[in-house]
Amino acid sequence: MGLLSSIKDLLFRKVDQSANVSGSKGGKTSQHHEHKGFSIETHPLKEGSSFRVQGWIRNDGKEHHFIRADQSHNLEAGHELSLFKAKQCIDQLGDKLFK
């Protein structure tokens, strides 16, 4: 399998929502936050024994889905890191995030 195939598989794979709850010890798989008028939903993606940063940023009917390479070792830390990354995107890009 080539490098481009690996990248394509990573970016365009189907997200298995049920995989996010296994091993989470009853933690919430999705959390909702507000930042500067934007709605943020954090939903760390379970990958093996860690959680990858993932979430959605919404404003005025528009939505931006983000997945980052950053990982944490537990669900709660995954939510915190996902929220930090979402706020960082909003602070740096604002409404340009949706273009």
C-alpha atoms as a PDB file:
ATOM      1  CA  MET A   1       0.000   0.000   0.000  1.00  0.00           C
ATOM      2  CA  GLY A   2       1.446   3.355  -1.023  1.00  0.00           C
ATOM      3  CA  LEU A   3       1.728   6.520   0.990  1.00  0.00           C
ATOM      4  CA  LEU A   4      -1.088   8.245  -0.898  1.00  0.00           C
ATOM      5  CA  SER A   5      -3.379   5.269  -0.363  1.00  0.00           C
ATOM      6  CA  SER A   6      -2.657   5.368   3.362  1.00  0.00           C
ATOM      7  CA  ILE A   7      -3.424   9.080   3.542  1.00  0.00           C
ATOM      8  CA  LYS A   8      -6.630   8.601   1.531  1.00  0.00           C
ATOM      9  CA  ASP A   9      -7.738   5.768   3.835  1.00  0.00           C
ATOM     10  CA  LEU A  10      -7.058   7.908   6.916  1.00  0.00           C
ATOM     11  CA  LEU A  11      -8.913  10.960   5.611  1.00  0.00           C
ATOM     12  CA  PHE A  12     -11.895   9.266   4.006  1.00  0.00           C
ATOM     13  CA  ARG A  13     -12.596   6.331   6.295  1.00  0.00           C
ATOM     14  CA  LYS A  14     -16.022   5.933   7.773  1.00  0.00           C
ATOM     15  CA  VAL A  15     -16.139   6.939  11.434  1.00  0.00           C
ATOM     16  CA  ASP A  16     -17.539   4.137  13.580  1.00  0.00           C
ATOM     17  CA  GLN A  17     -19.396   6.014  16.316  1.00  0.00           C
ATOM     18  CA  SER A  18     -19.788   2.895  18.472  1.00  0.00           C
ATOM     19  CA  ALA A  19     -15.996   2.534  18.657  1.00  0.00           C
ATOM     20  CA  ASN A  20     -15.791   5.830  20.530  1.00  0.00           C
ATOM     21  CA  VAL A  21     -17.519   4.504  23.641  1.00  0.00           C
ATOM     22  CA  SER A  22     -15.645   1.262  24.199  1.00  0.00           C
ATOM     23  CA  GLY A  23     -13.273   1.557  27.104  1.00  0.00           C
ATOM     24  CA  SER A  24     -14.463   5.050  28.002  1.00  0.00           C
ATOM     25  CA  LYS A  25     -15.657   4.002  31.482  1.00  0.00           C
ATOM     26  CA  GLY A  26     -19.060   5.593  31.036  1.00  0.00           C
ATOM     27  CA  GLY A  27     -17.737   8.999  29.947  1.00  0.00           C
ATOM     28  CA  LYS A  28     -19.784  11.182  27.635  1.00  0.00           C
ATOM     29  CA  THR A  29     -18.719  10.625  24.045  1.00  0.00           C
ATOM     30  CA  SER A  30     -19.816  14.107  22.973  1.00  0.00           C
ATOM     31  CA  GLN A  31     -19.638  17.471  24.761  1.00  0.00           C
ATOM     32  CA  HIS A  32     -21.046  20.826  23.661  1.00  0.00           C
ATOM     33  CA  HIS A  33     -19.387  24.205  24.255  1.00  0.00           C
ATOM     34  CA  GLU A  34     -19.679  27.840  23.127  1.00  0.00           C
ATOM     35  CA  HIS A  35     -16.778  30.137  22.166  1.00  0.00           C
ATOM     36  CA  LYS A  36     -17.098  33.629  20.663  1.00  0.00           C
ATOM     37  CA  GLY A  37     -20.570  32.856  19.294  1.00  0.00           C
ATOM     38  CA  PHE A  38     -19.507  29.524  17.745  1.00  0.00           C
ATOM     39  CA  SER A  39     -20.925  26.187  18.851  1.00  0.00           C
ATOM     40  CA  ILE A  40     -18.322  23.482  19.463  1.00  0.00           C
ATOM     41  CA  GLU A  41     -19.038  19.764  19.745  1.00  0.00           C
ATOM     42  CA  THR A  42     -16.077  17.666  20.892  1.00  0.00           C
ATOM     43  CA  HIS A  43     -16.150  13.970  20.115  1.00  0.00           C
ATOM     44  CA  PRO A  44     -12.725  12.308  20.558  1.00  0.00           C
ATOM     45  CA  LEU A  45     -12.247   9.359  18.224  1.00  0.00           C
ATOM     46  CA  LYS A  46     -11.253   6.080  19.919  1.00  0.00           C
ATOM     47  CA  GLU A  47      -8.226   4.546  18.205  1.00  0.00           C
ATOM     48  CA  GLY A  48      -6.752   1.557  19.970  1.00  0.00           C
ATOM     49  CA  SER A  49      -5.960   2.625  23.530  1.00  0.00           C
ATOM     50  CA  SER A  50      -5.982   6.365  22.806  1.00  0.00           C
ATOM     51  CA  PHE A  51      -8.387   9.083  21.680  1.00  0.00           C
ATOM     52  CA  ARG A  52      -7.748  11.277  18.619  1.00  0.00           C
ATOM     53  CA  VAL A  53      -8.834  14.943  18.562  1.00  0.00           C
ATOM     54  CA  GLN A  54     -12.120  15.323  16.664  1.00  0.00           C
ATOM     55  CA  GLY A  55     -15.092  17.640  16.690  1.00  0.00           C
ATOM     56  CA  TRP A  56     -17.418  20.020  14.875  1.00  0.00           C
ATOM     57  CA  ILE A  57     -17.530  23.806  14.855  1.00  0.00           C
ATOM     58  CA  ARG A  58     -20.869  25.377  13.888  1.00  0.00           C
ATOM     59  CA  ASN A  59     -22.095  28.924  13.306  1.00  0.00           C
ATOM     60  CA  ASP A  60     -25.034  30.392  11.364  1.00  0.00           C
ATOM     61  CA  GLY A  61     -26.030  27.053   9.823  1.00  0.00           C
ATOM     62  CA  LYS A  62     -22.467  26.285   8.666  1.00  0.00           C
ATOM     63  CA  GLU A  63     -20.397  23.383   9.960  1.00  0.00           C
ATOM     64  CA  HIS A  64     -16.697  22.502   9.973  1.00  0.00           C
ATOM     65  CA  HIS A  65     -15.586  18.983  10.944  1.00  0.00           C
ATOM     66  CA  PHE A  66     -12.023  18.655  12.210  1.00  0.00           C
ATOM     67  CA  ILE A  67      -9.766  15.710  12.993  1.00  0.00           C
ATOM     68  CA  ARG A  68      -6.218  16.316  14.216  1.00  0.00           C
ATOM     69  CA  ALA A  69      -3.212  14.079  14.699  1.00  0.00           C
ATOM     70  CA  ASP A  70      -3.087  14.886  18.417  1.00  0.00           C
ATOM     71  CA  GLN A  71      -4.020  12.034  20.756  1.00  0.00           C
ATOM     72  CA  SER A  72      -4.668  11.585  24.462  1.00  0.00           C
ATOM     73  CA  HIS A  73      -4.751   8.545  26.711  1.00  0.00           C
ATOM     74  CA  ASN A  74      -8.248   9.016  28.131  1.00  0.00           C
ATOM     75  CA  LEU A  75     -11.616  10.342  26.978  1.00  0.00           C
ATOM     76  CA  GLU A  76     -11.747  13.388  29.265  1.00  0.00           C
ATOM     77  CA  ALA A  77      -8.308  14.570  28.142  1.00  0.00           C
ATOM     78  CA  GLY A  78      -9.472  13.976  24.568  1.00  0.00           C
ATOM     79  CA  HIS A  79     -12.398  16.352  25.128  1.00  0.00           C
ATOM     80  CA  GLU A  80     -10.110  18.981  26.663  1.00  0.00           C
ATOM     81  CA  LEU A  81      -7.614  18.776  23.801  1.00  0.00           C
ATOM     82  CA  SER A  82     -10.386  18.799  21.170  1.00  0.00           C
ATOM     83  CA  LEU A  83     -11.891  21.904  22.785  1.00  0.00           C
ATOM     84  CA  PHE A  84      -8.494  23.627  22.870  1.00  0.00           C
ATOM     85  CA  LYS A  85      -7.918  22.879  19.165  1.00  0.00           C
ATOM     86  CA  ALA A  86     -11.415  24.096  18.214  1.00  0.00           C
ATOM     87  CA  LYS A  87     -10.934  27.359  20.116  1.00  0.00           C
ATOM     88  CA  GLN A  88      -7.546  27.787  18.452  1.00  0.00           C
ATOM     89  CA  CYS A  89      -9.158  27.398  14.991  1.00  0.00           C
ATOM     90  CA  ILE A  90     -11.871  29.915  15.866  1.00  0.00           C
ATOM     91  CA  ASP A  91      -9.371  32.438  17.265  1.00  0.00           C
ATOM     92  CA  GLN A  92      -7.092  32.139  14.223  1.00  0.00           C
ATOM     93  CA  LEU A  93      -9.654  31.877  11.421  1.00  0.00           C
ATOM     94  CA  GLY A  94     -13.041  33.081  12.664  1.00  0.00           C
ATOM     95  CA  ASP A  95     -15.660  32.898   9.882  1.00  0.00           C
ATOM     96  CA  LYS A  96     -12.938  32.057   7.322  1.00  0.00           C
ATOM     97  CA  LEU A  97     -13.072  28.565   8.824  1.00  0.00           C
ATOM     98  CA  PHE A  98     -16.121  27.814   6.670  1.00  0.00           C
ATOM     99  CA  LYS A  99     -14.659  28.915   3.320  1.00  0.00           C
END
